[in-house]
């Protein structure tokens, strides 16, 4: 069923919202690409940094607005409606001439480490590594032990005796564990701008389409190239990449056939002569033993 996102005239702020729609629509018309971002976990100081980077590095713009405003602006700029129709979070809309993938990578590389809060869920196994801390002997020792850490005093400093898991992935953080993490200065959470959906002027890219980092893509390509190379060698399918290996294998196999079948050739003659000499030597030894 079609939904028309119309701003109601009876709202006092309708003029301001119409102005927002026009500003965003004009911004979108100037650029071929769009990225919608989730700002639920974005500190203001990071958002300001992102704004500056988008403007300076990507030569684009970013606006923060409500869903109805973003949807209306997207439709007015004649961009795909699906970019904004499922927004249910504080969102920003970015207009750029770059690939949405490049913007997604930029977001992953620009995050802030954040301290843990009571009630948060551990995003992964939070491990405190073995080693000396900067903490002097004192009440902190019992606090860390209460949180499950293997700690001791050595030369007046608190030392983690061995790697200790303070919280398993998915575990809800208690006040004792949060206090221990704060005492050790460990910030297990990350805050940032989260890519939601993008458009490059031709194709819509969802979050899963841009999830891999460049190094992960390179690793996958290298692995697939290795698998393809091995397959072509095992199937004896010649290409410019494997021809040297195939020729070496063919030469080795032909040489072995010649040696095993006593077939003389440039490749097998040396080995056949050596084999004949060894056999002659063995016979000579047997002859001497028989004559003694």
Protein backbone atom coordinates (compact mmCIF):
# COMPACT_ATOMS: atom_id res chain seq x y z
CA UNK A 1 0.00 0.00 0.00
CA UNK A 2 1.38 3.41 -0.99
CA UNK A 3 2.28 5.83 1.77
CA UNK A 4 2.42 9.54 1.01
CA UNK A 5 4.69 11.42 3.35
CA UNK A 6 2.99 14.80 3.55
CA UNK A 7 3.76 17.42 6.17
CA UNK A 8 0.60 18.45 7.98
CA UNK A 9 -0.24 22.13 7.62
CA UNK A 10 -1.57 22.52 11.17
CA UNK A 11 1.80 22.04 12.83
CA UNK A 12 3.57 25.22 13.94
CA UNK A 13 6.89 23.95 12.62
CA UNK A 14 5.61 23.07 9.16
CA UNK A 15 7.38 26.02 7.52
CA UNK A 16 10.67 24.97 9.07
CA UNK A 17 10.15 21.36 7.96
CA UNK A 18 9.34 22.45 4.41
CA UNK A 19 12.54 24.44 4.41
CA UNK A 20 14.46 21.36 5.60
CA UNK A 21 12.91 19.27 2.85
CA UNK A 22 13.95 21.79 0.21
CA UNK A 23 17.51 22.08 1.56
CA UNK A 24 18.00 18.32 1.66
CA UNK A 25 16.39 17.80 -1.76
CA UNK A 26 18.65 20.43 -3.30
CA UNK A 27 21.67 18.79 -1.69
CA UNK A 28 20.65 15.39 -3.08
CA UNK A 29 20.15 16.79 -6.59
CA UNK A 30 23.72 18.11 -6.64
CA UNK A 31 25.25 14.66 -6.00
CA UNK A 32 24.71 11.25 -7.57
CA UNK A 33 25.25 9.26 -4.38
CA UNK A 34 23.31 9.03 -1.10
CA UNK A 35 24.06 7.30 2.20
CA UNK A 36 21.59 7.01 5.08
CA UNK A 37 23.27 6.59 8.47
CA UNK A 38 22.15 5.42 11.91
CA UNK A 39 23.12 7.98 14.58
CA UNK A 40 21.83 6.17 17.68
CA UNK A 41 25.34 5.53 18.94
CA UNK A 42 27.09 8.67 17.70
CA UNK A 43 28.53 11.16 20.21
CA UNK A 44 28.16 14.78 19.17
CA UNK A 45 31.94 15.33 19.01
CA UNK A 46 32.30 12.45 16.56
CA UNK A 47 29.39 13.69 14.45
CA UNK A 48 31.07 17.09 14.13
CA UNK A 49 34.27 15.38 12.98
CA UNK A 50 32.31 13.32 10.44
CA UNK A 51 30.58 16.45 9.12
CA UNK A 52 33.96 18.07 8.50
CA UNK A 53 35.39 14.97 6.79
CA UNK A 54 32.35 14.56 4.55
CA UNK A 55 32.65 18.17 3.49
CA UNK A 56 36.44 18.23 3.00
CA UNK A 57 37.31 14.70 1.82
CA UNK A 58 34.13 13.66 0.02
CA UNK A 59 33.04 17.13 -1.16
CA UNK A 60 29.55 16.31 0.05
CA UNK A 61 27.11 17.26 2.76
CA UNK A 62 25.25 15.69 5.68
CA UNK A 63 21.92 16.62 7.22
CA UNK A 64 20.24 15.23 10.33
CA UNK A 65 16.44 15.13 10.11
CA UNK A 66 13.35 13.10 10.97
CA UNK A 67 12.09 10.28 8.78
CA UNK A 68 9.20 12.23 7.24
CA UNK A 69 11.52 15.04 6.20
CA UNK A 70 14.14 12.66 4.76
CA UNK A 71 11.50 10.65 2.91
CA UNK A 72 9.91 13.76 1.41
CA UNK A 73 13.33 15.08 0.32
CA UNK A 74 14.28 11.74 -1.24
CA UNK A 75 11.04 11.63 -3.22
CA UNK A 76 11.35 15.26 -4.33
CA UNK A 77 14.91 14.62 -5.53
CA UNK A 78 13.59 11.57 -7.43
CA UNK A 79 15.83 9.13 -5.61
CA UNK A 80 14.82 5.52 -4.69
CA UNK A 81 12.09 5.55 -2.05
CA UNK A 82 13.49 2.46 -0.34
CA UNK A 83 16.41 4.53 0.94
CA UNK A 84 14.22 6.09 3.63
CA UNK A 85 11.04 4.06 3.99
CA UNK A 86 12.30 1.80 6.80
CA UNK A 87 14.04 4.38 8.98
CA UNK A 88 13.07 3.91 12.65
CA UNK A 89 16.06 5.51 14.33
CA UNK A 90 17.79 8.90 14.58
CA UNK A 91 19.13 9.28 11.05
CA UNK A 92 21.36 11.40 8.92
CA UNK A 93 21.39 11.66 5.14
CA UNK A 94 24.64 12.18 3.24
CA UNK A 95 25.00 13.35 -0.36
CA UNK A 96 28.26 12.45 -2.07
CA UNK A 97 29.76 11.64 -5.47
CA UNK A 98 31.77 8.73 -4.06
CA UNK A 99 30.94 5.05 -3.82
CA UNK A 100 28.77 4.21 -0.77
CA UNK A 101 31.31 1.48 -0.02
CA UNK A 102 34.09 4.01 0.46
CA UNK A 103 31.90 5.97 2.87
CA UNK A 104 31.07 2.79 4.81
CA UNK A 105 34.78 1.99 5.17
CA UNK A 106 35.41 5.56 6.32
CA UNK A 107 32.82 5.15 9.10
CA UNK A 108 34.41 1.91 10.32
CA UNK A 109 37.80 3.59 10.46
CA UNK A 110 36.48 6.56 12.44
CA UNK A 111 35.07 5.38 15.74
CA UNK A 112 35.52 6.27 19.40
CA UNK A 113 36.36 3.85 22.20
CA UNK A 114 33.76 4.12 24.94
CA UNK A 115 33.77 2.94 28.60
CA UNK A 116 31.37 0.22 29.69
CA UNK A 117 28.11 1.00 31.46
CA UNK A 118 26.14 -1.18 33.85
CA UNK A 119 23.60 -3.29 31.98
CA UNK A 120 25.38 -3.22 28.64
CA UNK A 121 26.01 -6.52 26.88
CA UNK A 122 29.61 -7.54 26.17
CA UNK A 123 30.10 -7.33 22.35
CA UNK A 124 32.85 -9.98 22.52
CA UNK A 125 34.89 -11.84 25.14
CA UNK A 126 36.48 -9.02 27.14
CA UNK A 127 39.95 -10.26 28.08
CA UNK A 128 42.34 -8.52 30.46
CA UNK A 129 45.84 -9.51 29.30
CA UNK A 130 48.54 -10.86 31.58
CA UNK A 131 51.02 -8.29 32.79
CA UNK A 132 51.80 -5.46 35.16
CA UNK A 133 49.34 -2.60 35.66
CA UNK A 134 49.97 0.95 36.83
CA UNK A 135 47.83 0.35 39.90
CA UNK A 136 49.53 0.42 43.31
CA UNK A 137 48.70 -2.16 45.98
CA UNK A 138 45.45 -1.22 47.69
CA UNK A 139 41.66 -1.59 47.55
CA UNK A 140 41.77 -2.03 43.76
CA UNK A 141 43.21 -5.53 44.29
CA UNK A 142 40.08 -6.85 45.97
CA UNK A 143 37.85 -5.04 43.44
CA UNK A 144 39.61 -6.76 40.54
CA UNK A 145 39.49 -10.15 42.28
CA UNK A 146 35.75 -9.70 42.86
CA UNK A 147 35.34 -9.14 39.12
CA UNK A 148 36.99 -12.50 38.42
CA UNK A 149 40.51 -11.39 37.55
CA UNK A 150 43.58 -13.39 38.52
CA UNK A 151 45.63 -10.63 40.12
CA UNK A 152 48.43 -10.35 42.69
CA UNK A 153 50.90 -7.86 44.11
CA UNK A 154 54.45 -7.77 42.74
CA UNK A 155 56.97 -5.06 43.63
CA UNK A 156 54.25 -2.82 44.95
CA UNK A 157 52.13 -2.97 41.79
CA UNK A 158 49.01 -4.95 40.92
CA UNK A 159 49.85 -7.59 38.32
CA UNK A 160 47.46 -9.67 36.23
CA UNK A 161 48.91 -13.17 36.72
CA UNK A 162 47.38 -14.58 33.53
CA UNK A 163 44.95 -13.58 30.81
CA UNK A 164 41.55 -13.26 32.45
CA UNK A 165 38.11 -13.12 30.83
CA UNK A 166 36.16 -10.48 32.71
CA UNK A 167 33.00 -10.98 30.62
CA UNK A 168 31.94 -13.45 27.97
CA UNK A 169 30.36 -12.29 24.73
CA UNK A 170 26.66 -11.64 25.35
CA UNK A 171 27.07 -11.34 29.12
CA UNK A 172 25.35 -8.42 30.86
CA UNK A 173 27.90 -6.25 32.64
CA UNK A 174 27.40 -5.91 36.39
CA UNK A 175 28.48 -2.93 38.55
CA UNK A 176 31.48 -4.90 39.86
CA UNK A 177 32.75 -5.72 36.36
CA UNK A 178 32.13 -2.22 35.04
CA UNK A 179 34.08 -0.80 38.00
CA UNK A 180 36.98 -3.17 37.27
CA UNK A 181 37.07 -2.16 33.60
CA UNK A 182 37.04 1.51 34.53
CA UNK A 183 39.83 0.96 37.08
CA UNK A 184 41.98 -0.69 34.40
CA UNK A 185 41.12 1.95 31.81
CA UNK A 186 39.60 -0.58 29.43
CA UNK A 187 37.00 0.77 27.00
CA UNK A 188 35.40 -2.26 25.34
CA UNK A 189 32.72 -0.46 23.35
CA UNK A 190 32.92 1.58 20.17
CA UNK A 191 30.73 4.45 19.13
CA UNK A 192 30.38 5.74 15.61
CA UNK A 193 28.25 6.48 12.61
CA UNK A 194 26.64 3.29 11.31
CA UNK A 195 26.02 2.84 7.58
CA UNK A 196 22.39 1.87 6.95
CA UNK A 197 21.78 2.02 3.19
CA UNK A 198 23.30 3.77 0.18
CA UNK A 199 22.84 4.60 -3.50
CA UNK A 200 25.49 5.35 -6.13
CA UNK A 201 23.15 6.74 -8.78
CA UNK A 202 22.39 3.31 -10.23
CA UNK A 203 22.31 0.68 -7.50
CA UNK A 204 21.06 0.55 -3.90
CA UNK A 205 23.59 -0.92 -1.46
CA UNK A 206 22.33 -2.36 1.83
CA UNK A 207 24.48 -2.74 4.94
CA UNK A 208 25.45 -6.33 4.14
CA UNK A 209 26.62 -5.28 0.66
CA UNK A 210 29.37 -3.06 2.11
CA UNK A 211 30.24 -5.05 5.24
CA UNK A 212 33.70 -6.26 4.18
CA UNK A 213 36.78 -4.14 4.79
CA UNK A 214 39.33 -3.77 1.92
CA UNK A 215 41.82 -6.14 3.56
CA UNK A 216 39.11 -8.79 3.93
CA UNK A 217 38.25 -8.48 0.24
CA UNK A 218 41.93 -8.83 -0.68
CA UNK A 219 42.21 -11.95 1.52
CA UNK A 220 39.15 -13.52 -0.11
CA UNK A 221 40.40 -12.74 -3.61
CA UNK A 222 43.83 -14.22 -2.80
CA UNK A 223 42.22 -17.36 -1.36
CA UNK A 224 39.97 -17.80 -4.40
CA UNK A 225 42.91 -17.26 -6.77
CA UNK A 226 44.91 -19.91 -4.91
CA UNK A 227 41.99 -22.35 -5.08
CA UNK A 228 41.50 -21.67 -8.80
CA UNK A 229 45.22 -22.15 -9.47
CA UNK A 230 45.29 -25.49 -7.63
CA UNK A 231 42.16 -26.65 -9.44
CA UNK A 232 43.62 -25.79 -12.85
CA UNK A 233 46.87 -27.63 -12.04
CA UNK A 234 45.05 -30.73 -10.77
CA UNK A 235 42.76 -30.69 -13.82
CA UNK A 236 45.77 -30.13 -16.13
CA UNK A 237 44.03 -27.11 -17.64
CA UNK A 238 46.78 -24.86 -19.07
CA UNK A 239 46.70 -21.10 -18.47
CA UNK A 240 49.36 -18.41 -18.54
CA UNK A 241 49.49 -18.64 -14.74
CA UNK A 242 50.07 -22.38 -14.41
CA UNK A 243 51.81 -23.39 -17.66
CA UNK A 244 55.28 -23.45 -16.09
CA UNK A 245 54.13 -25.83 -13.32
CA UNK A 246 52.28 -28.04 -15.82
CA UNK A 247 55.36 -28.29 -18.07
CA UNK A 248 57.56 -29.13 -15.08
CA UNK A 249 55.11 -31.83 -13.98
CA UNK A 250 54.83 -33.24 -17.52
CA UNK A 251 58.62 -33.32 -17.90
CA UNK A 252 59.05 -35.05 -14.54
CA UNK A 253 56.38 -37.65 -15.34
CA UNK A 254 57.81 -38.34 -18.84
CA UNK A 255 61.31 -38.69 -17.39
CA UNK A 256 60.08 -41.19 -14.79
CA UNK A 257 58.29 -43.21 -17.49
CA UNK A 258 61.50 -43.28 -19.53
CA UNK A 259 63.61 -44.40 -16.56
CA UNK A 260 61.14 -47.06 -15.37
CA UNK A 261 60.71 -48.38 -18.91
CA UNK A 262 64.45 -48.17 -19.75
CA UNK A 263 63.65 -45.84 -22.63
CA UNK A 264 66.71 -43.83 -23.64
CA UNK A 265 66.35 -40.11 -24.18
CA UNK A 266 68.21 -36.92 -23.36
CA UNK A 267 66.18 -36.66 -20.17
CA UNK A 268 66.64 -40.25 -18.97
CA UNK A 269 70.07 -41.32 -20.27
CA UNK A 270 72.07 -40.05 -17.30
CA UNK A 271 69.84 -41.78 -14.73
CA UNK A 272 69.77 -45.01 -16.80
CA UNK A 273 73.56 -45.07 -17.08
CA UNK A 274 73.92 -44.52 -13.32
CA UNK A 275 71.43 -47.30 -12.68
CA UNK A 276 73.34 -49.62 -15.05
CA UNK A 277 76.63 -48.81 -13.30
CA UNK A 278 75.09 -49.61 -9.89
CA UNK A 279 73.75 -52.90 -11.21
CA UNK A 280 77.14 -53.75 -12.76
CA UNK A 281 78.85 -52.94 -9.46
CA UNK A 282 76.44 -55.19 -7.63
CA UNK A 283 77.06 -58.05 -10.06
CA UNK A 284 80.81 -57.56 -9.75
CA UNK A 285 80.48 -57.86 -5.99
CA UNK A 286 78.45 -61.04 -6.29
CA UNK A 287 81.03 -62.49 -8.71
CA UNK A 288 83.89 -61.79 -6.31
CA UNK A 289 82.02 -63.37 -3.42
CA UNK A 290 81.32 -66.47 -5.53
CA UNK A 291 84.97 -66.79 -6.52
CA UNK A 292 86.38 -66.49 -2.99
